[in-house]
Amino acid sequence: MENIVQPPPHQQESPNYASFGKRFAANMIDRVLITFFCSPIYWEISREMDRYKRLLPRRRRSFDAFFGGSSDFYGGRSELVDSYTTMAFGITVIIIAWCYFAGMESSPWRATLGKRLLGLEVNDESGKRVNFIQATGRHFGKILSGILFYIGYLVMLGSPKKQTWHDQMSNCIVTEK
């Protein structure tokens, strides 16, 4: 009887997980890009709100007559408009950042521009591309990762797969290409 030695089953190589430093640098690049993109939007929102503030004095008499307000109450309207500007811009940035991160990470690139520049990509734990829902969960999970002094980011230093809390919540890994 012939003794046939079979080769060991094909072992998958462990992926090269992205380091904290590379992930941090990629995130900073992405934040700069988002800030650069959102600045003109902020200027436009501010310009429109300033235009609205200039219209307020013309409407003062009708406003005061209707609501029985005084100029002290009406003077606070300017600050209210400023808070609306801040709120409108904040909502705009949240939507842009969500679309950017979730859209890019679920795209065939599997990475944002910052990650792509540094040779990183986001995959699910089996190495496949993440879908938009997973990428959305990963993006909004960053809130939890950062809420307690960024502990959710620092846990990656002790994680075997170098996963942050938002990576663990969405079953994702970040690897080097």
Protein backbone atom coordinates (compact mmCIF):
# COMPACT_ATOMS: atom_id res chain seq x y z
CA MET A 1 0.00 0.00 0.00
CA GLU A 2 1.32 3.35 -1.03
CA ASN A 3 1.53 6.10 1.56
CA ILE A 4 0.37 9.35 -0.06
CA VAL A 5 1.18 12.54 1.78
CA GLN A 6 -1.39 15.20 1.18
CA PRO A 7 -0.40 18.83 1.37
CA PRO A 8 -1.91 20.81 4.25
CA PRO A 9 -5.15 22.58 3.44
CA HIS A 10 -4.72 26.02 1.98
CA GLN A 11 -4.26 28.44 4.80
CA GLN A 12 -5.42 31.95 4.32
CA GLU A 13 -2.88 34.57 5.17
CA SER A 14 -3.88 36.85 7.99
CA PRO A 15 -4.66 40.31 6.64
CA ASN A 16 -2.26 43.12 7.41
CA TYR A 17 -4.35 45.22 9.77
CA ALA A 18 -3.91 48.99 9.58
CA SER A 19 -1.93 50.68 12.33
CA PHE A 20 -3.29 53.38 14.62
CA GLY A 21 -0.95 55.96 13.10
CA LYS A 22 -2.01 55.30 9.50
CA ARG A 23 -5.68 55.32 10.42
CA PHE A 24 -5.27 58.57 12.34
CA ALA A 25 -3.42 60.21 9.43
CA ALA A 26 -6.06 59.04 6.94
CA ASN A 27 -8.81 60.45 9.17
CA MET A 28 -7.03 63.81 9.37
CA ILE A 29 -6.73 63.93 5.57
CA ASP A 30 -10.45 63.18 5.24
CA ARG A 31 -11.37 65.84 7.81
CA VAL A 32 -9.34 68.46 5.94
CA LEU A 33 -11.07 67.48 2.67
CA ILE A 34 -14.53 67.72 4.26
CA THR A 35 -13.68 71.09 5.83
CA PHE A 36 -12.42 72.39 2.49
CA PHE A 37 -15.58 71.18 0.75
CA CYS A 38 -17.96 72.51 3.43
CA SER A 39 -16.45 75.99 3.77
CA PRO A 40 -18.20 77.44 0.69
CA ILE A 41 -21.45 75.91 1.90
CA TYR A 42 -21.04 77.65 5.26
CA TRP A 43 -20.35 80.96 3.53
CA GLU A 44 -23.51 80.57 1.43
CA ILE A 45 -25.67 79.69 4.44
CA SER A 46 -24.20 82.64 6.37
CA ARG A 47 -24.79 84.98 3.44
CA GLU A 48 -28.44 83.94 3.21
CA MET A 49 -28.94 84.27 6.96
CA ASP A 50 -27.31 87.72 6.93
CA ARG A 51 -29.69 88.71 4.15
CA TYR A 52 -32.56 87.51 6.31
CA LYS A 53 -31.25 89.53 9.29
CA ARG A 54 -31.23 92.69 7.16
CA LEU A 55 -34.90 92.10 6.36
CA LEU A 56 -35.85 91.83 10.03
CA PRO A 57 -36.06 95.61 10.77
CA ARG A 58 -38.53 96.07 7.90
CA ARG A 59 -40.79 93.45 9.37
CA ARG A 60 -40.44 94.67 12.93
CA ARG A 61 -43.63 96.74 13.12
CA SER A 62 -45.86 94.02 11.76
CA PHE A 63 -44.14 91.43 13.95
CA ASP A 64 -44.52 93.60 17.07
CA ALA A 65 -48.15 94.39 16.25
CA PHE A 66 -49.03 90.75 15.68
CA PHE A 67 -47.15 89.25 18.62
CA GLY A 68 -47.20 92.27 20.92
CA GLY A 69 -43.42 92.10 21.17
CA SER A 70 -41.01 94.82 22.06
CA SER A 71 -37.72 95.82 20.54
CA ASP A 72 -35.88 93.95 23.33
CA PHE A 73 -37.58 90.72 22.31
CA TYR A 74 -37.08 91.46 18.64
CA GLY A 75 -33.40 92.33 19.15
CA GLY A 76 -32.84 88.73 20.26
CA ARG A 77 -34.02 87.56 16.85
CA SER A 78 -30.57 88.31 15.41
CA GLU A 79 -29.00 85.80 17.81
CA LEU A 80 -31.70 83.31 16.92
CA VAL A 81 -30.83 83.66 13.24
CA ASP A 82 -27.16 83.05 14.12
CA SER A 83 -28.12 79.86 15.94
CA TYR A 84 -30.16 78.77 12.91
CA THR A 85 -27.08 79.34 10.76
CA THR A 86 -25.02 77.14 13.05
CA MET A 87 -27.71 74.46 13.15
CA ALA A 88 -28.20 74.46 9.37
CA PHE A 89 -24.48 74.19 8.80
CA GLY A 90 -24.14 71.42 11.40
CA ILE A 91 -26.85 69.35 9.76
CA THR A 92 -25.26 69.94 6.36
CA VAL A 93 -21.85 68.75 7.59
CA ILE A 94 -23.38 65.64 9.18
CA ILE A 95 -25.08 64.70 5.91
CA ILE A 96 -21.99 65.42 3.79
CA ALA A 97 -19.68 63.47 6.12
CA TRP A 98 -22.10 60.54 6.25
CA CYS A 99 -22.43 60.38 2.45
CA TYR A 100 -18.67 60.76 2.01
CA PHE A 101 -17.57 58.12 4.51
CA ALA A 102 -20.34 55.56 3.95
CA GLY A 103 -20.38 56.08 0.18
CA MET A 104 -16.63 55.85 -0.31
CA GLU A 105 -16.10 52.92 2.07
CA SER A 106 -18.87 50.90 0.41
CA SER A 107 -17.65 51.75 -3.09
CA PRO A 108 -15.36 49.49 -5.13
CA TRP A 109 -12.44 51.56 -3.76
CA ARG A 110 -13.36 50.38 -0.23
CA ALA A 111 -11.75 53.53 1.12
CA THR A 112 -12.10 57.26 1.54
CA LEU A 113 -9.58 59.45 -0.23
CA GLY A 114 -7.44 59.65 2.92
CA LYS A 115 -7.40 55.89 3.36
CA ARG A 116 -6.71 55.36 -0.33
CA LEU A 117 -3.74 57.77 -0.22
CA LEU A 118 -2.26 55.74 2.63
CA GLY A 119 -3.05 52.34 1.12
CA LEU A 120 -5.83 51.32 3.50
CA GLU A 121 -9.22 49.76 2.84
CA VAL A 122 -12.34 48.88 4.81
CA ASN A 123 -13.64 45.30 4.54
CA ASP A 124 -16.03 43.12 6.43
CA GLU A 125 -14.44 40.49 8.68
CA SER A 126 -14.40 37.94 5.85
CA GLY A 127 -12.50 40.32 3.58
CA LYS A 128 -15.43 41.30 1.37
CA ARG A 129 -16.55 44.81 0.51
CA VAL A 130 -18.94 46.37 3.03
CA ASN A 131 -22.38 47.49 1.92
CA PHE A 132 -23.77 50.98 2.42
CA ILE A 133 -25.79 49.98 5.51
CA GLN A 134 -22.69 48.52 7.19
CA ALA A 135 -20.66 51.59 6.26
CA THR A 136 -23.42 53.83 7.64
CA GLY A 137 -23.41 51.92 10.93
CA ARG A 138 -19.63 52.19 11.04
CA HIS A 139 -19.77 55.93 10.40
CA PHE A 140 -22.35 56.75 13.07
CA GLY A 141 -20.69 54.28 15.46
CA LYS A 142 -17.75 56.71 15.51
CA ILE A 143 -19.89 58.86 17.81
CA LEU A 144 -19.78 56.09 20.43
CA SER A 145 -16.07 55.52 19.83
CA GLY A 146 -15.33 59.15 20.58
CA ILE A 147 -17.85 59.88 23.30
CA LEU A 148 -15.73 58.87 26.32
CA PHE A 149 -12.37 60.52 25.69
CA TYR A 150 -11.89 58.52 22.46
CA ILE A 151 -11.58 55.23 24.35
CA GLY A 152 -13.43 53.51 21.51
CA TYR A 153 -10.56 54.43 19.19
CA LEU A 154 -7.83 53.51 21.66
CA VAL A 155 -9.17 49.97 22.20
CA MET A 156 -7.71 49.10 18.80
CA LEU A 157 -4.25 49.17 20.36
CA GLY A 158 -5.10 46.01 22.32
CA SER A 159 -7.35 44.36 19.75
CA PRO A 160 -5.92 41.42 17.75
CA LYS A 161 -7.60 42.73 14.59
CA LYS A 162 -6.90 46.37 15.51
CA GLN A 163 -10.61 47.11 15.58
CA THR A 164 -12.17 50.20 17.13
CA TRP A 165 -15.59 50.06 18.74
CA HIS A 166 -17.25 51.23 15.54
CA ASP A 167 -15.39 48.53 13.58
CA GLN A 168 -16.58 45.87 16.03
CA MET A 169 -20.18 47.15 15.94
CA SER A 170 -20.28 46.94 12.14
CA ASN A 171 -18.16 43.78 11.79
CA CYS A 172 -15.50 45.62 9.80
CA ILE A 173 -11.73 45.59 9.63
CA VAL A 174 -9.34 48.15 8.17
CA THR A 175 -6.41 46.61 6.34
CA GLU A 176 -3.41 47.67 4.34
CA LYS A 177 -3.55 46.74 0.67
